[in-house]
Amino acid sequence: MKSAYELAMERLSKSAPSVKLSDKQKKEIAELESKAAAKIAERELFVRGEIAKAIDKGEDEAIQQLEKQLVSDRKSINADLEEKKAKVREGK
């Protein structure tokens, strides 16, 4: 008799079968993730520096705008990363 977990995993594999990636694809995806993490870190350092300057000047509105910009930058970098990873998985 199968457990609920095993049954759920069977249903999941039928609806969305797992894709086997080659070593080259895995390496490309890891490189893409590394580059995206570096871009995010670079943006964070820059924006955090700008936030520190805005705090010193007492510009609350600028601080909020910079924080929104940082969130937006992260989202766009991650969206770009997911698109590139999908292309690698498809073999393009």
PDB file of N, CA and C in Angstrom:
ATOM      1  N   MET A   1       0.847  -1.178   0.000  1.00  0.00           N
ATOM      2  CA  MET A   1       0.000   0.000   0.000  1.00  0.00           C
ATOM      3  C   MET A   1       0.896   1.245   0.000  1.00  0.00           C
ATOM      4  N   LYS A   2       0.530   2.232  -0.824  1.00  0.00           N
ATOM      5  CA  LYS A   2       1.333   3.437  -0.964  1.00  0.00           C
ATOM      6  C   LYS A   2       0.875   4.505   0.020  1.00  0.00           C
ATOM      7  N   SER A   3       1.849   5.307   0.441  1.00  0.00           N
ATOM      8  CA  SER A   3       1.524   6.409   1.342  1.00  0.00           C
ATOM      9  C   SER A   3       0.933   7.568   0.542  1.00  0.00           C
ATOM     10  N   ALA A   4       0.323   8.506   1.249  1.00  0.00           N
ATOM     11  CA  ALA A   4      -0.250   9.676   0.594  1.00  0.00           C
ATOM     12  C   ALA A   4       0.840  10.458  -0.136  1.00  0.00           C
ATOM     13  N   TYR A   5       2.013  10.505   0.445  1.00  0.00           N
ATOM     14  CA  TYR A   5       3.140  11.200  -0.186  1.00  0.00           C
ATOM     15  C   TYR A   5       3.489  10.545  -1.517  1.00  0.00           C
ATOM     16  N   GLU A   6       3.595   9.233  -1.547  1.00  0.00           N
ATOM     17  CA  GLU A   6       3.944   8.531  -2.781  1.00  0.00           C
ATOM     18  C   GLU A   6       2.879   8.742  -3.858  1.00  0.00           C
ATOM     19  N   LEU A   7       1.621   8.718  -3.462  1.00  0.00           N
ATOM     20  CA  LEU A   7       0.545   8.950  -4.423  1.00  0.00           C
ATOM     21  C   LEU A   7       0.601  10.374  -4.982  1.00  0.00           C
ATOM     22  N   ALA A   8       0.860  11.324  -4.107  1.00  0.00           N
ATOM     23  CA  ALA A   8       0.951  12.715  -4.547  1.00  0.00           C
ATOM     24  C   ALA A   8       2.123  12.896  -5.507  1.00  0.00           C
ATOM     25  N   MET A   9       3.248  12.268  -5.217  1.00  0.00           N
ATOM     26  CA  MET A   9       4.418  12.376  -6.088  1.00  0.00           C
ATOM     27  C   MET A   9       4.143  11.741  -7.457  1.00  0.00           C
ATOM     28  N   GLU A  10       3.400  10.638  -7.477  1.00  0.00           N
ATOM     29  CA  GLU A  10       3.045  10.011  -8.753  1.00  0.00           C
ATOM     30  C   GLU A  10       2.174  10.940  -9.589  1.00  0.00           C
ATOM     31  N   ARG A  11       1.181  11.568  -8.945  1.00  0.00           N
ATOM     32  CA  ARG A  11       0.302  12.505  -9.657  1.00  0.00           C
ATOM     33  C   ARG A  11       1.099  13.696 -10.185  1.00  0.00           C
ATOM     34  N   LEU A  12       2.014  14.171  -9.372  1.00  0.00           N
ATOM     35  CA  LEU A  12       2.830  15.312  -9.775  1.00  0.00           C
ATOM     36  C   LEU A  12       3.705  14.961 -10.978  1.00  0.00           C
ATOM     37  N   SER A  13       4.301  13.799 -10.971  1.00  0.00           N
ATOM     38  CA  SER A  13       5.182  13.411 -12.075  1.00  0.00           C
ATOM     39  C   SER A  13       4.393  13.187 -13.368  1.00  0.00           C
ATOM     40  N   LYS A  14       3.125  12.812 -13.254  1.00  0.00           N
ATOM     41  CA  LYS A  14       2.291  12.653 -14.445  1.00  0.00           C
ATOM     42  C   LYS A  14       1.938  14.009 -15.043  1.00  0.00           C
ATOM     43  N   SER A  15       1.629  14.988 -14.184  1.00  0.00           N
ATOM     44  CA  SER A  15       1.219  16.299 -14.687  1.00  0.00           C
ATOM     45  C   SER A  15       2.412  17.140 -15.120  1.00  0.00           C
ATOM     46  N   ALA A  16       3.542  16.991 -14.464  1.00  0.00           N
ATOM     47  CA  ALA A  16       4.745  17.755 -14.812  1.00  0.00           C
ATOM     48  C   ALA A  16       5.961  16.867 -14.625  1.00  0.00           C
ATOM     49  N   PRO A  17       6.273  16.068 -15.633  1.00  0.00           N
ATOM     50  CA  PRO A  17       7.422  15.161 -15.475  1.00  0.00           C
ATOM     51  C   PRO A  17       8.726  15.926 -15.260  1.00  0.00           C
ATOM     52  N   SER A  18       9.575  15.370 -14.436  1.00  0.00           N
ATOM     53  CA  SER A  18      10.851  16.032 -14.157  1.00  0.00           C
ATOM     54  C   SER A  18      11.754  15.917 -15.383  1.00  0.00           C
ATOM     55  N   VAL A  19      12.533  16.954 -15.600  1.00  0.00           N
ATOM     56  CA  VAL A  19      13.418  17.015 -16.755  1.00  0.00           C
ATOM     57  C   VAL A  19      14.832  16.702 -16.292  1.00  0.00           C
ATOM     58  N   LYS A  20      15.477  15.812 -17.014  1.00  0.00           N
ATOM     59  CA  LYS A  20      16.865  15.481 -16.707  1.00  0.00           C
ATOM     60  C   LYS A  20      17.760  16.463 -17.443  1.00  0.00           C
ATOM     61  N   LEU A  21      18.640  17.098 -16.707  1.00  0.00           N
ATOM     62  CA  LEU A  21      19.552  18.072 -17.296  1.00  0.00           C
ATOM     63  C   LEU A  21      20.920  17.445 -17.506  1.00  0.00           C
ATOM     64  N   SER A  22      21.557  17.834 -18.598  1.00  0.00           N
ATOM     65  CA  SER A  22      22.921  17.365 -18.845  1.00  0.00           C
ATOM     66  C   SER A  22      23.871  18.133 -17.928  1.00  0.00           C
ATOM     67  N   ASP A  23      25.085  17.645 -17.843  1.00  0.00           N
ATOM     68  CA  ASP A  23      26.093  18.336 -17.033  1.00  0.00           C
ATOM     69  C   ASP A  23      26.355  19.742 -17.562  1.00  0.00           C
ATOM     70  N   LYS A  24      26.343  19.880 -18.890  1.00  0.00           N
ATOM     71  CA  LYS A  24      26.562  21.194 -19.500  1.00  0.00           C
ATOM     72  C   LYS A  24      25.445  22.151 -19.101  1.00  0.00           C
ATOM     73  N   GLN A  25      24.190  21.682 -19.140  1.00  0.00           N
ATOM     74  CA  GLN A  25      23.056  22.522 -18.764  1.00  0.00           C
ATOM     75  C   GLN A  25      23.138  22.919 -17.294  1.00  0.00           C
ATOM     76  N   LYS A  26      23.506  21.961 -16.456  1.00  0.00           N
ATOM     77  CA  LYS A  26      23.640  22.250 -15.025  1.00  0.00           C
ATOM     78  C   LYS A  26      24.711  23.321 -14.794  1.00  0.00           C
ATOM     79  N   LYS A  27      25.808  23.200 -15.520  1.00  0.00           N
ATOM     80  CA  LYS A  27      26.904  24.157 -15.384  1.00  0.00           C
ATOM     81  C   LYS A  27      26.458  25.544 -15.859  1.00  0.00           C
ATOM     82  N   GLU A  28      25.726  25.599 -16.980  1.00  0.00           N
ATOM     83  CA  GLU A  28      25.238  26.877 -17.503  1.00  0.00           C
ATOM     84  C   GLU A  28      24.266  27.536 -16.518  1.00  0.00           C
ATOM     85  N   ILE A  29      23.372  26.741 -15.946  1.00  0.00           N
ATOM     86  CA  ILE A  29      22.409  27.269 -14.987  1.00  0.00           C
ATOM     87  C   ILE A  29      23.125  27.780 -13.748  1.00  0.00           C
ATOM     88  N   ALA A  30      24.112  27.045 -13.273  1.00  0.00           N
ATOM     89  CA  ALA A  30      24.873  27.485 -12.097  1.00  0.00           C
ATOM     90  C   ALA A  30      25.592  28.799 -12.391  1.00  0.00           C
ATOM     91  N   GLU A  31      26.129  28.919 -13.599  1.00  0.00           N
ATOM     92  CA  GLU A  31      26.821  30.159 -13.981  1.00  0.00           C
ATOM     93  C   GLU A  31      25.830  31.329 -14.053  1.00  0.00           C
ATOM     94  N   LEU A  32      24.654  31.082 -14.612  1.00  0.00           N
ATOM     95  CA  LEU A  32      23.630  32.125 -14.684  1.00  0.00           C
ATOM     96  C   LEU A  32      23.210  32.577 -13.289  1.00  0.00           C
ATOM     97  N   GLU A  33      23.023  31.605 -12.389  1.00  0.00           N
ATOM     98  CA  GLU A  33      22.637  31.940 -11.014  1.00  0.00           C
ATOM     99  C   GLU A  33      23.724  32.739 -10.311  1.00  0.00           C
ATOM    100  N   SER A  34      24.964  32.373 -10.563  1.00  0.00           N
ATOM    101  CA  SER A  34      26.088  33.086  -9.959  1.00  0.00           C
ATOM    102  C   SER A  34      26.146  34.530 -10.450  1.00  0.00           C
ATOM    103  N   LYS A  35      25.972  34.719 -11.766  1.00  0.00           N
ATOM    104  CA  LYS A  35      25.989  36.065 -12.331  1.00  0.00           C
ATOM    105  C   LYS A  35      24.833  36.903 -11.791  1.00  0.00           C
ATOM    106  N   ALA A  36      23.660  36.292 -11.671  1.00  0.00           N
ATOM    107  CA  ALA A  36      22.497  37.017 -11.157  1.00  0.00           C
ATOM    108  C   ALA A  36      22.715  37.413  -9.699  1.00  0.00           C
ATOM    109  N   ALA A  37      23.291  36.520  -8.918  1.00  0.00           N
ATOM    110  CA  ALA A  37      23.577  36.835  -7.510  1.00  0.00           C
ATOM    111  C   ALA A  37      24.571  37.982  -7.413  1.00  0.00           C
ATOM    112  N   ALA A  38      25.554  37.995  -8.318  1.00  0.00           N
ATOM    113  CA  ALA A  38      26.545  39.079  -8.325  1.00  0.00           C
ATOM    114  C   ALA A  38      25.887  40.405  -8.704  1.00  0.00           C
ATOM    115  N   LYS A  39      24.976  40.371  -9.686  1.00  0.00           N
ATOM    116  CA  LYS A  39      24.274  41.595 -10.089  1.00  0.00           C
ATOM    117  C   LYS A  39      23.433  42.134  -8.937  1.00  0.00           C
ATOM    118  N   ILE A  40      22.740  41.237  -8.256  1.00  0.00           N
ATOM    119  CA  ILE A  40      21.905  41.643  -7.123  1.00  0.00           C
ATOM    120  C   ILE A  40      22.776  42.245  -6.022  1.00  0.00           C
ATOM    121  N   ALA A  41      23.884  41.609  -5.723  1.00  0.00           N
ATOM    122  CA  ALA A  41      24.788  42.121  -4.687  1.00  0.00           C
ATOM    123  C   ALA A  41      25.335  43.493  -5.070  1.00  0.00           C
ATOM    124  N   GLU A  42      25.690  43.646  -6.332  1.00  0.00           N
ATOM    125  CA  GLU A  42      26.207  44.929  -6.810  1.00  0.00           C
ATOM    126  C   GLU A  42      25.151  46.028  -6.660  1.00  0.00           C
ATOM    127  N   ARG A  43      23.934  45.732  -7.071  1.00  0.00           N
ATOM    128  CA  ARG A  43      22.848  46.714  -6.952  1.00  0.00           C
ATOM    129  C   ARG A  43      22.565  47.032  -5.489  1.00  0.00           C
ATOM    130  N   GLU A  44      22.577  46.008  -4.645  1.00  0.00           N
ATOM    131  CA  GLU A  44      22.322  46.228  -3.218  1.00  0.00           C
ATOM    132  C   GLU A  44      23.372  47.146  -2.608  1.00  0.00           C
ATOM    133  N   LEU A  45      24.630  46.898  -2.926  1.00  0.00           N
ATOM    134  CA  LEU A  45      25.694  47.751  -2.393  1.00  0.00           C
ATOM    135  C   LEU A  45      25.510  49.203  -2.835  1.00  0.00           C
ATOM    136  N   PHE A  46      25.230  49.389  -4.104  1.00  0.00           N
ATOM    137  CA  PHE A  46      25.050  50.738  -4.618  1.00  0.00           C
ATOM    138  C   PHE A  46      23.850  51.423  -3.968  1.00  0.00           C
ATOM    139  N   VAL A  47      22.714  50.745  -3.962  1.00  0.00           N
ATOM    140  CA  VAL A  47      21.491  51.353  -3.432  1.00  0.00           C
ATOM    141  C   VAL A  47      21.601  51.556  -1.919  1.00  0.00           C
ATOM    142  N   ARG A  48      22.207  50.626  -1.218  1.00  0.00           N
ATOM    143  CA  ARG A  48      22.394  50.805   0.232  1.00  0.00           C
ATOM    144  C   ARG A  48      23.261  52.032   0.523  1.00  0.00           C
ATOM    145  N   GLY A  49      24.256  52.274  -0.309  1.00  0.00           N
ATOM    146  CA  GLY A  49      25.078  53.469  -0.161  1.00  0.00           C
ATOM    147  C   GLY A  49      24.262  54.734  -0.382  1.00  0.00           C
ATOM    148  N   GLU A  50      23.396  54.688  -1.394  1.00  0.00           N
ATOM    149  CA  GLU A  50      22.527  55.829  -1.666  1.00  0.00           C
ATOM    150  C   GLU A  50      21.524  56.042  -0.528  1.00  0.00           C
ATOM    151  N   ILE A  51      21.037  54.943   0.038  1.00  0.00           N
ATOM    152  CA  ILE A  51      20.113  55.039   1.178  1.00  0.00           C
ATOM    153  C   ILE A  51      20.823  55.673   2.370  1.00  0.00           C
ATOM    154  N   ALA A  52      22.064  55.281   2.595  1.00  0.00           N
ATOM    155  CA  ALA A  52      22.829  55.858   3.709  1.00  0.00           C
ATOM    156  C   ALA A  52      22.996  57.364   3.524  1.00  0.00           C
ATOM    157  N   LYS A  53      23.267  57.788   2.284  1.00  0.00           N
ATOM    158  CA  LYS A  53      23.385  59.220   2.007  1.00  0.00           C
ATOM    159  C   LYS A  53      22.061  59.932   2.261  1.00  0.00           C
ATOM    160  N   ALA A  54      20.960  59.300   1.847  1.00  0.00           N
ATOM    161  CA  ALA A  54      19.634  59.904   2.033  1.00  0.00           C
ATOM    162  C   ALA A  54      19.279  59.980   3.516  1.00  0.00           C
ATOM    163  N   ILE A  55      19.699  58.993   4.285  1.00  0.00           N
ATOM    164  CA  ILE A  55      19.449  59.013   5.739  1.00  0.00           C
ATOM    165  C   ILE A  55      20.207  60.170   6.368  1.00  0.00           C
ATOM    166  N   ASP A  56      21.454  60.355   5.949  1.00  0.00           N
ATOM    167  CA  ASP A  56      22.255  61.463   6.478  1.00  0.00           C
ATOM    168  C   ASP A  56      21.605  62.815   6.184  1.00  0.00           C
ATOM    169  N   LYS A  57      21.005  62.920   5.010  1.00  0.00           N
ATOM    170  CA  LYS A  57      20.363  64.178   4.615  1.00  0.00           C
ATOM    171  C   LYS A  57      18.937  64.297   5.173  1.00  0.00           C
ATOM    172  N   GLY A  58      18.402  63.190   5.701  1.00  0.00           N
ATOM    173  CA  GLY A  58      17.048  63.200   6.250  1.00  0.00           C
ATOM    174  C   GLY A  58      15.959  63.195   5.185  1.00  0.00           C
ATOM    175  N   GLU A  59      16.247  62.609   4.043  1.00  0.00           N
ATOM    176  CA  GLU A  59      15.296  62.564   2.928  1.00  0.00           C
ATOM    177  C   GLU A  59      14.495  61.261   2.975  1.00  0.00           C
ATOM    178  N   ASP A  60      13.402  61.274   3.723  1.00  0.00           N
ATOM    179  CA  ASP A  60      12.592  60.068   3.914  1.00  0.00           C
ATOM    180  C   ASP A  60      11.973  59.575   2.608  1.00  0.00           C
ATOM    181  N   GLU A  61      11.520  60.495   1.783  1.00  0.00           N
ATOM    182  CA  GLU A  61      10.891  60.103   0.521  1.00  0.00           C
ATOM    183  C   GLU A  61      11.902  59.417  -0.398  1.00  0.00           C
ATOM    184  N   ALA A  62      13.115  59.930  -0.426  1.00  0.00           N
ATOM    185  CA  ALA A  62      14.164  59.329  -1.253  1.00  0.00           C
ATOM    186  C   ALA A  62      14.509  57.928  -0.757  1.00  0.00           C
ATOM    187  N   ILE A  63      14.493  57.750   0.557  1.00  0.00           N
ATOM    188  CA  ILE A  63      14.788  56.434   1.141  1.00  0.00           C
ATOM    189  C   ILE A  63      13.751  55.417   0.675  1.00  0.00           C
ATOM    190  N   GLN A  64      12.480  55.797   0.750  1.00  0.00           N
ATOM    191  CA  GLN A  64      11.414  54.884   0.327  1.00  0.00           C
ATOM    192  C   GLN A  64      11.534  54.564  -1.157  1.00  0.00           C
ATOM    193  N   GLN A  65      11.838  55.573  -1.958  1.00  0.00           N
ATOM    194  CA  GLN A  65      11.983  55.370  -3.393  1.00  0.00           C
ATOM    195  C   GLN A  65      13.149  54.429  -3.695  1.00  0.00           C
ATOM    196  N   LEU A  66      14.248  54.596  -2.994  1.00  0.00           N
ATOM    197  CA  LEU A  66      15.406  53.726  -3.208  1.00  0.00           C
ATOM    198  C   LEU A  66      15.118  52.288  -2.792  1.00  0.00           C
ATOM    199  N   GLU A  67      14.380  52.116  -1.701  1.00  0.00           N
ATOM    200  CA  GLU A  67      14.016  50.758  -1.274  1.00  0.00           C
ATOM    201  C   GLU A  67      13.108  50.098  -2.304  1.00  0.00           C
ATOM    202  N   LYS A  68      12.166  50.858  -2.863  1.00  0.00           N
ATOM    203  CA  LYS A  68      11.297  50.319  -3.913  1.00  0.00           C
ATOM    204  C   LYS A  68      12.119  49.953  -5.142  1.00  0.00           C
ATOM    205  N   GLN A  69      13.091  50.799  -5.460  1.00  0.00           N
ATOM    206  CA  GLN A  69      13.955  50.537  -6.604  1.00  0.00           C
ATOM    207  C   GLN A  69      14.740  49.247  -6.405  1.00  0.00           C
ATOM    208  N   LEU A  70      15.223  49.033  -5.192  1.00  0.00           N
ATOM    209  CA  LEU A  70      15.989  47.822  -4.899  1.00  0.00           C
ATOM    210  C   LEU A  70      15.120  46.575  -5.077  1.00  0.00           C
ATOM    211  N   VAL A  71      13.902  46.632  -4.581  1.00  0.00           N
ATOM    212  CA  VAL A  71      12.980  45.498  -4.735  1.00  0.00           C
ATOM    213  C   VAL A  71      12.699  45.257  -6.218  1.00  0.00           C
ATOM    214  N   SER A  72      12.469  46.329  -6.950  1.00  0.00           N
ATOM    215  CA  SER A  72      12.203  46.227  -8.382  1.00  0.00           C
ATOM    216  C   SER A  72      13.396  45.638  -9.128  1.00  0.00           C
ATOM    217  N   ASP A  73      14.588  46.090  -8.784  1.00  0.00           N
ATOM    218  CA  ASP A  73      15.801  45.568  -9.421  1.00  0.00           C
ATOM    219  C   ASP A  73      15.955  44.077  -9.171  1.00  0.00           C
ATOM    220  N   ARG A  74      15.710  43.659  -7.941  1.00  0.00           N
ATOM    221  CA  ARG A  74      15.810  42.221  -7.609  1.00  0.00           C
ATOM    222  C   ARG A  74      14.823  41.418  -8.442  1.00  0.00           C
ATOM    223  N   LYS A  75      13.570  41.923  -8.522  1.00  0.00           N
ATOM    224  CA  LYS A  75      12.546  41.201  -9.280  1.00  0.00           C
ATOM    225  C   LYS A  75      12.927  41.087 -10.750  1.00  0.00           C
ATOM    226  N   SER A  76      13.412  42.166 -11.331  1.00  0.00           N
ATOM    227  CA  SER A  76      13.752  42.119 -12.755  1.00  0.00           C
ATOM    228  C   SER A  76      14.950  41.205 -13.017  1.00  0.00           C
ATOM    229  N   ILE A  77      15.932  41.236 -12.137  1.00  0.00           N
ATOM    230  CA  ILE A  77      17.091  40.348 -12.303  1.00  0.00           C
ATOM    231  C   ILE A  77      16.665  38.893 -12.166  1.00  0.00           C
ATOM    232  N   ASN A  78      15.811  38.598 -11.193  1.00  0.00           N
ATOM    233  CA  ASN A  78      15.343  37.224 -11.008  1.00  0.00           C
ATOM    234  C   ASN A  78      14.458  36.776 -12.168  1.00  0.00           C
ATOM    235  N   ALA A  79      13.624  37.664 -12.691  1.00  0.00           N
ATOM    236  CA  ALA A  79      12.786  37.313 -13.843  1.00  0.00           C
ATOM    237  C   ALA A  79      13.657  37.007 -15.056  1.00  0.00           C
ATOM    238  N   ASP A  80      14.680  37.826 -15.269  1.00  0.00           N
ATOM    239  CA  ASP A  80      15.609  37.611 -16.369  1.00  0.00           C
ATOM    240  C   ASP A  80      16.333  36.275 -16.189  1.00  0.00           C
ATOM    241  N   LEU A  81      16.730  35.994 -14.968  1.00  0.00           N
ATOM    242  CA  LEU A  81      17.399  34.726 -14.665  1.00  0.00           C
ATOM    243  C   LEU A  81      16.496  33.542 -15.000  1.00  0.00           C
ATOM    244  N   GLU A  82      15.242  33.605 -14.587  1.00  0.00           N
ATOM    245  CA  GLU A  82      14.320  32.493 -14.846  1.00  0.00           C
ATOM    246  C   GLU A  82      14.111  32.282 -16.342  1.00  0.00           C
ATOM    247  N   GLU A  83      14.041  33.380 -17.120  1.00  0.00           N
ATOM    248  CA  GLU A  83      13.911  33.256 -18.578  1.00  0.00           C
ATOM    249  C   GLU A  83      15.125  32.558 -19.167  1.00  0.00           C
ATOM    250  N   LYS A  84      16.308  32.974 -18.744  1.00  0.00           N
ATOM    251  CA  LYS A  84      17.536  32.374 -19.258  1.00  0.00           C
ATOM    252  C   LYS A  84      17.644  30.905 -18.862  1.00  0.00           C
ATOM    253  N   LYS A  85      17.243  30.587 -17.619  1.00  0.00           N
ATOM    254  CA  LYS A  85      17.292  29.190 -17.168  1.00  0.00           C
ATOM    255  C   LYS A  85      16.324  28.338 -17.981  1.00  0.00           C
ATOM    256  N   ALA A  86      15.153  28.881 -18.297  1.00  0.00           N
ATOM    257  CA  ALA A  86      14.180  28.135 -19.099  1.00  0.00           C
ATOM    258  C   ALA A  86      14.741  27.843 -20.485  1.00  0.00           C
ATOM    259  N   LYS A  87      15.442  28.809 -21.066  1.00  0.00           N
ATOM    260  CA  LYS A  87      16.044  28.603 -22.377  1.00  0.00           C
ATOM    261  C   LYS A  87      17.108  27.511 -22.324  1.00  0.00           C
ATOM    262  N   VAL A  88      17.896  27.503 -21.259  1.00  0.00           N
ATOM    263  CA  VAL A  88      18.926  26.464 -21.115  1.00  0.00           C
ATOM    264  C   VAL A  88      18.258  25.102 -20.970  1.00  0.00           C
ATOM    265  N   ARG A  89      17.190  25.030 -20.188  1.00  0.00           N
ATOM    266  CA  ARG A  89      16.492  23.743 -20.006  1.00  0.00           C
ATOM    267  C   ARG A  89      15.906  23.237 -21.314  1.00  0.00           C
ATOM    268  N   GLU A  90      15.436  24.186 -22.163  1.00  0.00           N
ATOM    269  CA  GLU A  90      14.865  23.794 -23.445  1.00  0.00           C
ATOM    270  C   GLU A  90      15.938  23.424 -24.459  1.00  0.00           C
ATOM    271  N   GLY A  91      17.172  23.779 -24.146  1.00  0.00           N
ATOM    272  CA  GLY A  91      18.281  23.447 -25.018  1.00  0.00           C
ATOM    273  C   GLY A  91      18.564  24.496 -26.070  1.00  0.00           C
ATOM    274  N   LYS A  92      18.105  25.736 -25.824  1.00  0.00           N
ATOM    275  CA  LYS A  92      18.322  26.821 -26.802  1.00  0.00           C
ATOM    276  C   LYS A  92      19.536  27.626 -26.458  1.00  0.00           C
TER     277      LYS A  92
END
